[in-house]
N, C-alpha and C. Protein backbone atom coordinates (compact mmCIF):
# COMPACT_ATOMS: atom_id res chain seq x y z
N UNK A 1 6.48 2.91 -6.78
CA UNK A 1 6.13 4.11 -7.53
C UNK A 1 7.07 5.24 -7.07
N UNK A 2 7.66 5.92 -8.03
CA UNK A 2 8.58 7.01 -7.72
C UNK A 2 7.82 8.26 -7.29
N UNK A 3 8.44 9.05 -6.40
CA UNK A 3 7.85 10.33 -6.01
C UNK A 3 8.98 11.33 -5.77
N UNK A 4 8.74 12.56 -6.22
CA UNK A 4 9.68 13.66 -6.06
C UNK A 4 9.02 14.74 -5.21
N UNK A 5 9.74 15.78 -4.78
CA UNK A 5 9.14 16.81 -3.91
C UNK A 5 7.93 17.53 -4.50
N UNK A 6 7.92 17.87 -5.75
CA UNK A 6 6.76 18.54 -6.34
C UNK A 6 6.59 19.97 -5.86
N UNK A 7 5.40 20.51 -6.10
CA UNK A 7 5.10 21.91 -5.79
C UNK A 7 3.85 22.00 -4.92
N UNK A 8 3.79 23.03 -4.08
CA UNK A 8 2.63 23.21 -3.21
C UNK A 8 1.44 23.85 -3.93
N UNK A 9 1.66 24.35 -5.13
CA UNK A 9 0.57 24.96 -5.92
C UNK A 9 0.60 24.43 -7.34
N UNK A 10 -0.53 24.25 -7.98
CA UNK A 10 -1.87 24.46 -7.48
C UNK A 10 -2.30 23.28 -6.60
N UNK A 11 -3.33 23.52 -5.77
CA UNK A 11 -3.88 22.45 -4.94
C UNK A 11 -4.57 21.41 -5.82
N UNK A 12 -4.58 20.18 -5.37
CA UNK A 12 -5.23 19.09 -6.09
C UNK A 12 -4.21 18.29 -6.88
N UNK A 13 -4.71 17.56 -7.86
CA UNK A 13 -3.86 16.75 -8.73
C UNK A 13 -3.77 17.43 -10.09
N UNK A 14 -2.55 17.69 -10.54
CA UNK A 14 -2.35 18.39 -11.81
C UNK A 14 -1.42 17.59 -12.70
N UNK A 15 -1.96 17.09 -13.81
CA UNK A 15 -1.16 16.35 -14.78
C UNK A 15 -0.51 17.35 -15.73
N UNK A 16 0.81 17.22 -15.95
CA UNK A 16 1.52 18.18 -16.79
C UNK A 16 1.95 17.59 -18.14
N UNK A 17 1.42 16.43 -18.49
CA UNK A 17 1.81 15.78 -19.73
C UNK A 17 2.85 14.70 -19.54
N UNK A 18 3.52 14.71 -18.40
CA UNK A 18 4.54 13.72 -18.09
C UNK A 18 4.18 12.95 -16.82
N UNK A 19 3.84 13.68 -15.78
CA UNK A 19 3.49 13.10 -14.48
C UNK A 19 2.46 13.98 -13.80
N UNK A 20 2.20 13.72 -12.52
CA UNK A 20 1.15 14.43 -11.80
C UNK A 20 1.69 15.02 -10.50
N UNK A 21 1.45 16.33 -10.31
CA UNK A 21 1.78 16.99 -9.06
C UNK A 21 0.55 16.87 -8.15
N UNK A 22 0.77 16.51 -6.89
CA UNK A 22 -0.30 16.39 -5.90
C UNK A 22 -0.02 17.39 -4.80
N UNK A 23 -1.02 18.21 -4.45
CA UNK A 23 -0.90 19.16 -3.34
C UNK A 23 -2.19 19.13 -2.54
N UNK A 24 -2.07 18.85 -1.23
CA UNK A 24 -3.23 18.67 -0.35
C UNK A 24 -3.08 19.59 0.86
N UNK A 25 -4.12 20.37 1.14
CA UNK A 25 -4.12 21.28 2.30
C UNK A 25 -4.62 20.56 3.53
N UNK A 26 -3.90 20.67 4.64
CA UNK A 26 -4.37 20.19 5.94
C UNK A 26 -3.59 20.89 7.04
N UNK A 27 -4.33 21.55 7.93
CA UNK A 27 -3.71 22.20 9.08
C UNK A 27 -3.20 21.20 10.12
N UNK A 28 -3.86 20.03 10.21
CA UNK A 28 -3.58 19.12 11.32
C UNK A 28 -2.96 17.79 10.92
N UNK A 29 -2.75 17.55 9.65
CA UNK A 29 -2.19 16.26 9.22
C UNK A 29 -0.77 16.07 9.75
N UNK A 30 -0.48 14.83 10.10
CA UNK A 30 0.88 14.45 10.49
C UNK A 30 1.60 13.77 9.33
N UNK A 31 0.83 13.27 8.37
CA UNK A 31 1.34 12.66 7.14
C UNK A 31 0.18 12.52 6.17
N UNK A 32 0.48 12.53 4.88
CA UNK A 32 -0.53 12.33 3.84
C UNK A 32 0.01 11.31 2.84
N UNK A 33 -0.80 10.30 2.54
CA UNK A 33 -0.44 9.29 1.55
C UNK A 33 -1.36 9.42 0.34
N UNK A 34 -0.80 9.21 -0.85
CA UNK A 34 -1.60 9.09 -2.07
C UNK A 34 -1.80 7.60 -2.28
N UNK A 35 -3.05 7.19 -2.50
CA UNK A 35 -3.39 5.80 -2.77
C UNK A 35 -3.76 5.70 -4.24
N UNK A 36 -2.96 4.97 -5.01
CA UNK A 36 -3.18 4.83 -6.45
C UNK A 36 -3.71 3.42 -6.71
N UNK A 37 -4.78 3.33 -7.52
CA UNK A 37 -5.43 2.06 -7.79
C UNK A 37 -5.23 1.68 -9.26
N UNK A 38 -4.81 0.42 -9.49
CA UNK A 38 -4.65 -0.04 -10.87
C UNK A 38 -5.99 -0.54 -11.41
N UNK A 39 -6.00 -1.06 -12.62
CA UNK A 39 -7.24 -1.50 -13.27
C UNK A 39 -7.92 -2.63 -12.51
N UNK A 40 -7.16 -3.43 -11.76
CA UNK A 40 -7.73 -4.53 -10.99
C UNK A 40 -8.15 -4.11 -9.59
N UNK A 41 -7.91 -2.84 -9.23
CA UNK A 41 -8.28 -2.34 -7.91
C UNK A 41 -7.19 -2.50 -6.87
N UNK A 42 -6.02 -3.00 -7.26
CA UNK A 42 -4.90 -3.12 -6.33
C UNK A 42 -4.39 -1.72 -5.97
N UNK A 43 -4.09 -1.53 -4.70
CA UNK A 43 -3.71 -0.21 -4.18
C UNK A 43 -2.20 -0.13 -3.94
N UNK A 44 -1.61 1.00 -4.34
CA UNK A 44 -0.23 1.33 -4.02
C UNK A 44 -0.25 2.64 -3.26
N UNK A 45 0.38 2.68 -2.09
CA UNK A 45 0.42 3.90 -1.28
C UNK A 45 1.80 4.54 -1.35
N UNK A 46 1.79 5.88 -1.48
CA UNK A 46 3.03 6.65 -1.51
C UNK A 46 2.84 7.86 -0.61
N UNK A 47 3.74 8.04 0.35
CA UNK A 47 3.64 9.18 1.26
C UNK A 47 4.14 10.45 0.57
N UNK A 48 3.37 11.54 0.70
CA UNK A 48 3.82 12.82 0.15
C UNK A 48 5.05 13.26 0.94
N UNK A 49 6.17 13.56 0.26
CA UNK A 49 7.43 13.79 0.94
C UNK A 49 7.65 15.20 1.48
N UNK A 50 6.89 16.16 1.02
CA UNK A 50 7.17 17.55 1.37
C UNK A 50 5.97 18.22 2.02
N UNK A 51 6.27 19.22 2.85
CA UNK A 51 5.23 20.06 3.45
C UNK A 51 5.70 21.50 3.40
N UNK A 52 4.85 22.37 2.83
CA UNK A 52 5.10 23.81 2.78
C UNK A 52 3.95 24.48 3.50
N UNK A 53 4.18 24.97 4.70
CA UNK A 53 3.09 25.51 5.50
C UNK A 53 2.11 24.39 5.82
N UNK A 54 0.86 24.54 5.40
CA UNK A 54 -0.17 23.52 5.63
C UNK A 54 -0.46 22.69 4.38
N UNK A 55 0.42 22.75 3.39
CA UNK A 55 0.19 22.01 2.14
C UNK A 55 1.23 20.89 2.01
N UNK A 56 0.72 19.67 1.92
CA UNK A 56 1.55 18.49 1.67
C UNK A 56 1.62 18.28 0.17
N UNK A 57 2.80 17.97 -0.36
CA UNK A 57 2.90 17.86 -1.82
C UNK A 57 3.97 16.88 -2.27
N UNK A 58 3.80 16.43 -3.52
CA UNK A 58 4.75 15.54 -4.16
C UNK A 58 4.41 15.44 -5.64
N UNK A 59 5.38 14.98 -6.41
CA UNK A 59 5.21 14.82 -7.85
C UNK A 59 5.43 13.35 -8.19
N UNK A 60 4.45 12.74 -8.81
CA UNK A 60 4.54 11.34 -9.22
C UNK A 60 4.77 11.28 -10.73
N UNK A 61 6.02 11.07 -11.17
CA UNK A 61 6.32 11.12 -12.60
C UNK A 61 5.67 9.98 -13.39
N UNK A 62 5.20 8.94 -12.72
CA UNK A 62 4.59 7.80 -13.42
C UNK A 62 3.07 7.79 -13.34
N UNK A 63 2.45 8.82 -12.77
CA UNK A 63 0.99 8.85 -12.62
C UNK A 63 0.38 9.62 -13.79
N UNK A 64 -0.37 8.90 -14.62
CA UNK A 64 -0.97 9.47 -15.82
C UNK A 64 -2.32 10.12 -15.54
N UNK A 65 -2.77 10.94 -16.48
CA UNK A 65 -4.12 11.53 -16.41
C UNK A 65 -5.13 10.39 -16.42
N UNK A 66 -6.19 10.54 -15.65
CA UNK A 66 -7.25 9.54 -15.60
C UNK A 66 -7.01 8.44 -14.59
N UNK A 67 -5.87 8.47 -13.90
CA UNK A 67 -5.59 7.44 -12.89
C UNK A 67 -6.58 7.56 -11.73
N UNK A 68 -6.92 6.43 -11.12
CA UNK A 68 -7.78 6.46 -9.93
C UNK A 68 -6.90 6.58 -8.70
N UNK A 69 -7.25 7.52 -7.83
CA UNK A 69 -6.44 7.76 -6.64
C UNK A 69 -7.32 8.26 -5.51
N UNK A 70 -6.75 8.27 -4.34
CA UNK A 70 -7.41 8.81 -3.16
C UNK A 70 -6.33 9.22 -2.18
N UNK A 71 -6.72 9.64 -0.98
CA UNK A 71 -5.76 10.08 0.01
C UNK A 71 -6.02 9.41 1.35
N UNK A 72 -4.97 9.17 2.11
CA UNK A 72 -5.05 8.77 3.51
C UNK A 72 -4.32 9.87 4.28
N UNK A 73 -5.05 10.49 5.18
CA UNK A 73 -4.48 11.58 5.97
C UNK A 73 -4.33 11.08 7.40
N UNK A 74 -3.11 11.16 7.92
CA UNK A 74 -2.81 10.68 9.26
C UNK A 74 -2.73 11.86 10.22
N UNK A 75 -3.31 11.69 11.40
CA UNK A 75 -3.28 12.74 12.41
C UNK A 75 -4.48 12.63 13.31
N UNK A 76 -4.72 13.65 14.13
CA UNK A 76 -5.87 13.60 15.04
C UNK A 76 -7.18 13.56 14.27
N UNK A 77 -8.14 12.82 14.81
CA UNK A 77 -9.43 12.67 14.15
C UNK A 77 -10.54 13.10 15.10
N UNK A 78 -11.37 14.00 14.65
CA UNK A 78 -12.51 14.48 15.43
C UNK A 78 -13.77 14.22 14.62
N UNK A 79 -14.51 13.12 14.92
CA UNK A 79 -15.70 12.80 14.14
C UNK A 79 -16.74 13.92 14.11
N UNK A 80 -16.85 14.69 15.17
CA UNK A 80 -17.82 15.80 15.20
C UNK A 80 -17.46 16.85 14.15
N UNK A 81 -16.20 17.16 14.03
CA UNK A 81 -15.76 18.14 13.03
C UNK A 81 -15.98 17.60 11.62
N UNK A 82 -15.69 16.31 11.42
CA UNK A 82 -15.87 15.72 10.09
C UNK A 82 -17.35 15.74 9.69
N UNK A 83 -18.25 15.52 10.64
CA UNK A 83 -19.68 15.52 10.33
C UNK A 83 -20.16 16.93 9.96
N UNK A 84 -19.48 17.93 10.49
CA UNK A 84 -19.88 19.32 10.20
C UNK A 84 -19.38 19.78 8.84
N UNK A 85 -18.44 19.05 8.26
CA UNK A 85 -17.86 19.42 6.96
C UNK A 85 -18.01 18.26 5.99
N UNK A 86 -19.20 18.03 5.46
CA UNK A 86 -19.38 16.89 4.55
C UNK A 86 -18.59 17.08 3.26
N UNK A 87 -18.20 15.98 2.66
CA UNK A 87 -17.53 16.01 1.37
C UNK A 87 -18.43 15.37 0.34
N UNK A 88 -18.29 15.80 -0.88
CA UNK A 88 -19.10 15.27 -1.96
C UNK A 88 -18.19 14.51 -2.92
N UNK A 89 -18.38 13.20 -3.04
CA UNK A 89 -17.51 12.46 -3.97
C UNK A 89 -17.80 12.83 -5.41
N UNK A 90 -16.76 12.88 -6.21
CA UNK A 90 -16.93 13.09 -7.64
C UNK A 90 -16.05 12.07 -8.33
N UNK A 91 -16.51 11.55 -9.43
CA UNK A 91 -15.71 10.54 -10.11
C UNK A 91 -16.04 10.53 -11.60
N UNK A 92 -15.10 10.01 -12.35
CA UNK A 92 -15.26 9.90 -13.80
C UNK A 92 -15.81 8.49 -14.08
N UNK A 93 -16.82 8.41 -14.89
CA UNK A 93 -17.41 7.12 -15.19
C UNK A 93 -18.24 6.61 -14.02
N UNK A 94 -18.57 5.36 -14.06
CA UNK A 94 -19.39 4.79 -12.99
C UNK A 94 -18.57 3.78 -12.21
N UNK A 95 -18.43 4.00 -10.93
CA UNK A 95 -17.72 3.12 -10.03
C UNK A 95 -18.63 2.86 -8.83
N UNK A 96 -19.65 1.99 -8.97
CA UNK A 96 -20.58 1.79 -7.87
C UNK A 96 -19.93 1.19 -6.64
N UNK A 97 -18.85 0.44 -6.82
CA UNK A 97 -18.14 -0.15 -5.69
C UNK A 97 -16.67 0.12 -5.88
N UNK A 98 -16.00 0.49 -4.81
CA UNK A 98 -14.56 0.68 -4.90
C UNK A 98 -14.19 2.14 -4.77
N UNK A 99 -12.92 2.44 -5.01
CA UNK A 99 -12.40 3.79 -4.78
C UNK A 99 -12.97 4.80 -5.77
N UNK A 100 -13.16 6.01 -5.29
CA UNK A 100 -13.55 7.13 -6.13
C UNK A 100 -12.67 8.31 -5.78
N UNK A 101 -12.63 9.28 -6.64
CA UNK A 101 -11.90 10.51 -6.34
C UNK A 101 -12.76 11.36 -5.43
N UNK A 102 -12.15 11.97 -4.44
CA UNK A 102 -12.89 12.81 -3.51
C UNK A 102 -12.19 14.15 -3.41
N UNK A 103 -12.95 15.20 -3.56
CA UNK A 103 -12.41 16.54 -3.38
C UNK A 103 -12.94 17.08 -2.06
N UNK A 104 -12.05 17.59 -1.24
CA UNK A 104 -12.43 18.14 0.05
C UNK A 104 -12.42 19.66 -0.06
N UNK A 105 -13.55 20.32 0.21
CA UNK A 105 -13.59 21.79 0.08
C UNK A 105 -12.70 22.46 1.13
N UNK A 106 -12.05 23.53 0.72
CA UNK A 106 -11.24 24.32 1.65
C UNK A 106 -12.17 25.16 2.51
N UNK A 107 -11.71 25.51 3.67
CA UNK A 107 -12.52 26.31 4.59
C UNK A 107 -12.72 27.70 4.06
């Protein structure tokens, strides 16, 4: 899967009619990967190539609207901090098993 530098704004995944810009905020990440899932659930990982301040970003020209994706964030992990900041999964349609889209609230 191809990836270009993209833009640090807006945060999240933004489809522009051709491809999708991905921008993820993290103060402590050492790397961020986008995990894209096909219709059969097979996963393709692509590392976001750019960092502007605390925002990791990239543009995937082949990622269409409605694609299933997630993130892998590499770096220090503090389970106590993660428990204090719960995330609420949101997804389109019903996916009782398997990957879902997750939005992480900013501080």
